[in-house]
Amino acid sequence: MKKFFKGLLMSVLALAVGFLALAFPFHLFDELSSTGIQVLFISEIVIYLTLGMLFLVAKQKKADRKAKEKERIISRREKFKKAQEKYYSLAA
């Protein structure tokens, strides 16, 4: 039940933000001069590009962290195998 309400809330918020993101610039077209509209358009492009770059950087960091963790696990396995082999050779 909690997931349902959370999903419903996320959907409603996504619709509201999407509506505002589309309606706000169109509302400003009536009130801004042509220079103001150009500045708004350029600023939107800069914001979208910045968000896209942040997303890609976060994705790359996550991939790097995952690769580092995998490398650490492989290193620990090798260390454990060497310790086992050393113990077995001493025991024999």
N, C-alpha and C. Protein backbone atom coordinates (compact mmCIF):
# COMPACT_ATOMS: atom_id res chain seq x y z
N MET A 1 0.82 -1.18 0.00
CA MET A 1 0.00 0.00 0.00
C MET A 1 0.88 1.26 0.00
N LYS A 2 1.98 1.19 0.76
CA LYS A 2 2.89 2.34 0.84
C LYS A 2 3.52 2.61 -0.53
N LYS A 3 3.88 1.55 -1.26
CA LYS A 3 4.47 1.71 -2.59
C LYS A 3 3.47 2.35 -3.55
N PHE A 4 2.20 1.98 -3.41
CA PHE A 4 1.16 2.54 -4.27
C PHE A 4 1.08 4.05 -4.10
N PHE A 5 1.01 4.51 -2.84
CA PHE A 5 0.91 5.95 -2.58
C PHE A 5 2.18 6.68 -3.01
N LYS A 6 3.31 6.03 -2.80
CA LYS A 6 4.56 6.65 -3.21
C LYS A 6 4.60 6.78 -4.73
N GLY A 7 4.18 5.75 -5.44
CA GLY A 7 4.12 5.79 -6.90
C GLY A 7 3.13 6.83 -7.40
N LEU A 8 1.99 6.90 -6.75
CA LEU A 8 0.97 7.88 -7.12
C LEU A 8 1.48 9.31 -6.90
N LEU A 9 2.12 9.53 -5.76
CA LEU A 9 2.67 10.85 -5.47
C LEU A 9 3.75 11.23 -6.49
N MET A 10 4.63 10.30 -6.81
CA MET A 10 5.69 10.56 -7.79
C MET A 10 5.09 10.88 -9.16
N SER A 11 4.03 10.17 -9.55
CA SER A 11 3.39 10.41 -10.83
C SER A 11 2.75 11.80 -10.88
N VAL A 12 2.05 12.16 -9.83
CA VAL A 12 1.40 13.47 -9.78
C VAL A 12 2.45 14.58 -9.80
N LEU A 13 3.53 14.41 -9.04
CA LEU A 13 4.59 15.41 -9.02
C LEU A 13 5.28 15.52 -10.38
N ALA A 14 5.50 14.38 -11.03
CA ALA A 14 6.13 14.40 -12.36
C ALA A 14 5.24 15.13 -13.36
N LEU A 15 3.93 14.88 -13.31
CA LEU A 15 3.01 15.58 -14.20
C LEU A 15 3.00 17.08 -13.93
N ALA A 16 2.99 17.46 -12.65
CA ALA A 16 2.97 18.88 -12.29
C ALA A 16 4.25 19.58 -12.73
N VAL A 17 5.38 18.96 -12.49
CA VAL A 17 6.65 19.56 -12.88
C VAL A 17 6.75 19.65 -14.40
N GLY A 18 6.32 18.61 -15.08
CA GLY A 18 6.32 18.63 -16.54
C GLY A 18 5.43 19.72 -17.10
N PHE A 19 4.26 19.87 -16.51
CA PHE A 19 3.35 20.93 -16.96
C PHE A 19 3.96 22.30 -16.74
N LEU A 20 4.53 22.52 -15.56
CA LEU A 20 5.15 23.81 -15.27
C LEU A 20 6.37 24.07 -16.17
N ALA A 21 7.13 23.02 -16.43
CA ALA A 21 8.31 23.18 -17.28
C ALA A 21 7.92 23.58 -18.70
N LEU A 22 6.77 23.13 -19.16
CA LEU A 22 6.31 23.50 -20.50
C LEU A 22 5.50 24.80 -20.49
N ALA A 23 4.70 25.01 -19.49
CA ALA A 23 3.81 26.18 -19.46
C ALA A 23 4.56 27.47 -19.12
N PHE A 24 5.55 27.39 -18.27
CA PHE A 24 6.26 28.60 -17.83
C PHE A 24 6.93 29.33 -19.00
N PRO A 25 7.72 28.66 -19.85
CA PRO A 25 8.32 29.40 -20.97
C PRO A 25 7.29 29.98 -21.93
N PHE A 26 6.19 29.26 -22.19
CA PHE A 26 5.17 29.79 -23.09
C PHE A 26 4.48 31.02 -22.49
N HIS A 27 4.32 31.01 -21.19
CA HIS A 27 3.75 32.17 -20.52
C HIS A 27 4.71 33.36 -20.62
N LEU A 28 6.00 33.07 -20.53
CA LEU A 28 6.99 34.16 -20.62
C LEU A 28 7.10 34.72 -22.03
N PHE A 29 6.76 33.93 -23.05
CA PHE A 29 6.83 34.43 -24.43
C PHE A 29 5.96 35.67 -24.62
N ASP A 30 4.84 35.71 -23.91
CA ASP A 30 3.93 36.85 -24.03
C ASP A 30 4.47 38.09 -23.32
N GLU A 31 5.29 37.89 -22.31
CA GLU A 31 5.72 39.01 -21.48
C GLU A 31 7.14 39.49 -21.77
N LEU A 32 7.97 38.66 -22.38
CA LEU A 32 9.37 39.04 -22.61
C LEU A 32 9.58 39.61 -24.01
N SER A 33 10.62 40.39 -24.12
CA SER A 33 11.01 40.89 -25.45
C SER A 33 11.77 39.78 -26.18
N SER A 34 12.12 40.04 -27.42
CA SER A 34 12.82 39.01 -28.19
C SER A 34 14.19 38.71 -27.58
N THR A 35 14.86 39.70 -27.05
CA THR A 35 16.16 39.47 -26.39
C THR A 35 15.98 38.63 -25.13
N GLY A 36 14.94 38.92 -24.38
CA GLY A 36 14.65 38.14 -23.18
C GLY A 36 14.35 36.69 -23.51
N ILE A 37 13.63 36.47 -24.60
CA ILE A 37 13.32 35.11 -25.02
C ILE A 37 14.59 34.38 -25.42
N GLN A 38 15.50 35.07 -26.12
CA GLN A 38 16.77 34.45 -26.51
C GLN A 38 17.59 34.09 -25.28
N VAL A 39 17.64 34.97 -24.31
CA VAL A 39 18.37 34.70 -23.08
C VAL A 39 17.75 33.50 -22.35
N LEU A 40 16.43 33.46 -22.29
CA LEU A 40 15.74 32.34 -21.65
C LEU A 40 16.06 31.03 -22.38
N PHE A 41 16.02 31.05 -23.70
CA PHE A 41 16.30 29.86 -24.48
C PHE A 41 17.74 29.38 -24.25
N ILE A 42 18.68 30.29 -24.28
CA ILE A 42 20.09 29.93 -24.06
C ILE A 42 20.30 29.40 -22.64
N SER A 43 19.66 30.04 -21.67
CA SER A 43 19.81 29.57 -20.29
C SER A 43 19.19 28.18 -20.11
N GLU A 44 18.09 27.90 -20.78
CA GLU A 44 17.50 26.55 -20.71
C GLU A 44 18.45 25.52 -21.29
N ILE A 45 19.05 25.85 -22.42
CA ILE A 45 20.00 24.91 -23.04
C ILE A 45 21.18 24.66 -22.12
N VAL A 46 21.70 25.72 -21.51
CA VAL A 46 22.83 25.57 -20.58
C VAL A 46 22.43 24.71 -19.39
N ILE A 47 21.25 24.92 -18.86
CA ILE A 47 20.78 24.12 -17.72
C ILE A 47 20.64 22.66 -18.11
N TYR A 48 20.05 22.38 -19.28
CA TYR A 48 19.89 20.99 -19.72
C TYR A 48 21.24 20.32 -19.94
N LEU A 49 22.17 21.04 -20.54
CA LEU A 49 23.50 20.47 -20.77
C LEU A 49 24.23 20.22 -19.44
N THR A 50 24.09 21.13 -18.50
CA THR A 50 24.71 20.95 -17.19
C THR A 50 24.14 19.74 -16.48
N LEU A 51 22.82 19.61 -16.50
CA LEU A 51 22.19 18.45 -15.87
C LEU A 51 22.62 17.16 -16.55
N GLY A 52 22.70 17.18 -17.87
CA GLY A 52 23.16 15.99 -18.59
C GLY A 52 24.58 15.62 -18.23
N MET A 53 25.46 16.62 -18.13
CA MET A 53 26.84 16.34 -17.75
C MET A 53 26.92 15.80 -16.32
N LEU A 54 26.13 16.37 -15.42
CA LEU A 54 26.12 15.87 -14.04
C LEU A 54 25.65 14.43 -13.99
N PHE A 55 24.65 14.10 -14.78
CA PHE A 55 24.16 12.73 -14.84
C PHE A 55 25.26 11.79 -15.34
N LEU A 56 25.96 12.21 -16.40
CA LEU A 56 27.02 11.36 -16.94
C LEU A 56 28.18 11.21 -15.96
N VAL A 57 28.52 12.28 -15.25
CA VAL A 57 29.60 12.20 -14.25
C VAL A 57 29.20 11.24 -13.12
N ALA A 58 27.96 11.34 -12.66
CA ALA A 58 27.49 10.45 -11.60
C ALA A 58 27.49 9.00 -12.07
N LYS A 59 27.09 8.79 -13.30
CA LYS A 59 27.07 7.43 -13.86
C LYS A 59 28.49 6.88 -13.95
N GLN A 60 29.44 7.71 -14.38
CA GLN A 60 30.83 7.29 -14.50
C GLN A 60 31.43 6.99 -13.12
N LYS A 61 31.11 7.83 -12.12
CA LYS A 61 31.60 7.59 -10.77
C LYS A 61 31.07 6.26 -10.23
N LYS A 62 29.82 5.99 -10.51
CA LYS A 62 29.22 4.74 -10.05
C LYS A 62 29.90 3.55 -10.72
N ALA A 63 30.18 3.66 -12.01
CA ALA A 63 30.87 2.58 -12.72
C ALA A 63 32.29 2.41 -12.19
N ASP A 64 32.97 3.51 -11.90
CA ASP A 64 34.32 3.43 -11.33
C ASP A 64 34.31 2.77 -9.96
N ARG A 65 33.33 3.16 -9.14
CA ARG A 65 33.20 2.55 -7.81
C ARG A 65 32.95 1.05 -7.92
N LYS A 66 32.10 0.68 -8.86
CA LYS A 66 31.78 -0.73 -9.05
C LYS A 66 33.01 -1.51 -9.51
N ALA A 67 33.78 -0.93 -10.43
CA ALA A 67 35.00 -1.59 -10.91
C ALA A 67 36.02 -1.71 -9.79
N LYS A 68 36.14 -0.68 -8.97
CA LYS A 68 37.09 -0.70 -7.86
C LYS A 68 36.68 -1.77 -6.84
N GLU A 69 35.39 -1.87 -6.57
CA GLU A 69 34.89 -2.88 -5.64
C GLU A 69 35.15 -4.28 -6.19
N LYS A 70 34.93 -4.47 -7.48
CA LYS A 70 35.18 -5.77 -8.10
C LYS A 70 36.67 -6.12 -8.02
N GLU A 71 37.52 -5.13 -8.25
CA GLU A 71 38.97 -5.34 -8.16
C GLU A 71 39.36 -5.71 -6.73
N ARG A 72 38.75 -5.06 -5.76
CA ARG A 72 39.03 -5.37 -4.35
C ARG A 72 38.62 -6.79 -4.00
N ILE A 73 37.47 -7.21 -4.51
CA ILE A 73 36.98 -8.57 -4.24
C ILE A 73 37.92 -9.60 -4.85
N ILE A 74 38.36 -9.35 -6.08
CA ILE A 74 39.29 -10.28 -6.74
C ILE A 74 40.61 -10.34 -5.98
N SER A 75 41.09 -9.20 -5.54
CA SER A 75 42.34 -9.14 -4.77
C SER A 75 42.21 -9.93 -3.46
N ARG A 76 41.08 -9.76 -2.79
CA ARG A 76 40.87 -10.51 -1.53
C ARG A 76 40.78 -12.00 -1.77
N ARG A 77 40.14 -12.41 -2.87
CA ARG A 77 40.06 -13.84 -3.18
C ARG A 77 41.45 -14.42 -3.43
N GLU A 78 42.26 -13.67 -4.19
CA GLU A 78 43.61 -14.14 -4.46
C GLU A 78 44.43 -14.23 -3.17
N LYS A 79 44.29 -13.24 -2.32
CA LYS A 79 45.00 -13.24 -1.05
C LYS A 79 44.56 -14.42 -0.18
N PHE A 80 43.25 -14.69 -0.19
CA PHE A 80 42.72 -15.81 0.58
C PHE A 80 43.24 -17.13 0.03
N LYS A 81 43.29 -17.27 -1.31
CA LYS A 81 43.80 -18.50 -1.92
C LYS A 81 45.27 -18.71 -1.56
N LYS A 82 46.06 -17.64 -1.61
CA LYS A 82 47.49 -17.74 -1.26
C LYS A 82 47.65 -18.16 0.19
N ALA A 83 46.83 -17.59 1.07
CA ALA A 83 46.91 -17.95 2.49
C ALA A 83 46.52 -19.41 2.69
N GLN A 84 45.49 -19.88 1.98
CA GLN A 84 45.08 -21.27 2.08
C GLN A 84 46.19 -22.20 1.57
N GLU A 85 46.77 -21.86 0.42
CA GLU A 85 47.83 -22.68 -0.14
C GLU A 85 49.03 -22.73 0.82
N LYS A 86 49.36 -21.59 1.40
CA LYS A 86 50.47 -21.54 2.34
C LYS A 86 50.17 -22.39 3.58
N TYR A 87 48.93 -22.30 4.06
CA TYR A 87 48.54 -23.09 5.23
C TYR A 87 48.58 -24.57 4.90
N TYR A 88 48.06 -24.98 3.74
CA TYR A 88 48.04 -26.38 3.36
C TYR A 88 49.45 -26.90 3.15
N SER A 89 50.34 -26.09 2.59
CA SER A 89 51.72 -26.54 2.38
C SER A 89 52.44 -26.69 3.71
N LEU A 90 52.12 -25.84 4.70
CA LEU A 90 52.72 -25.97 6.03
C LEU A 90 52.15 -27.17 6.77
N ALA A 91 50.86 -27.44 6.57
CA ALA A 91 50.20 -28.54 7.25
C ALA A 91 50.66 -29.89 6.68
N ALA A 92 51.03 -29.91 5.43
CA ALA A 92 51.43 -31.17 4.80
C ALA A 92 52.84 -31.51 5.12
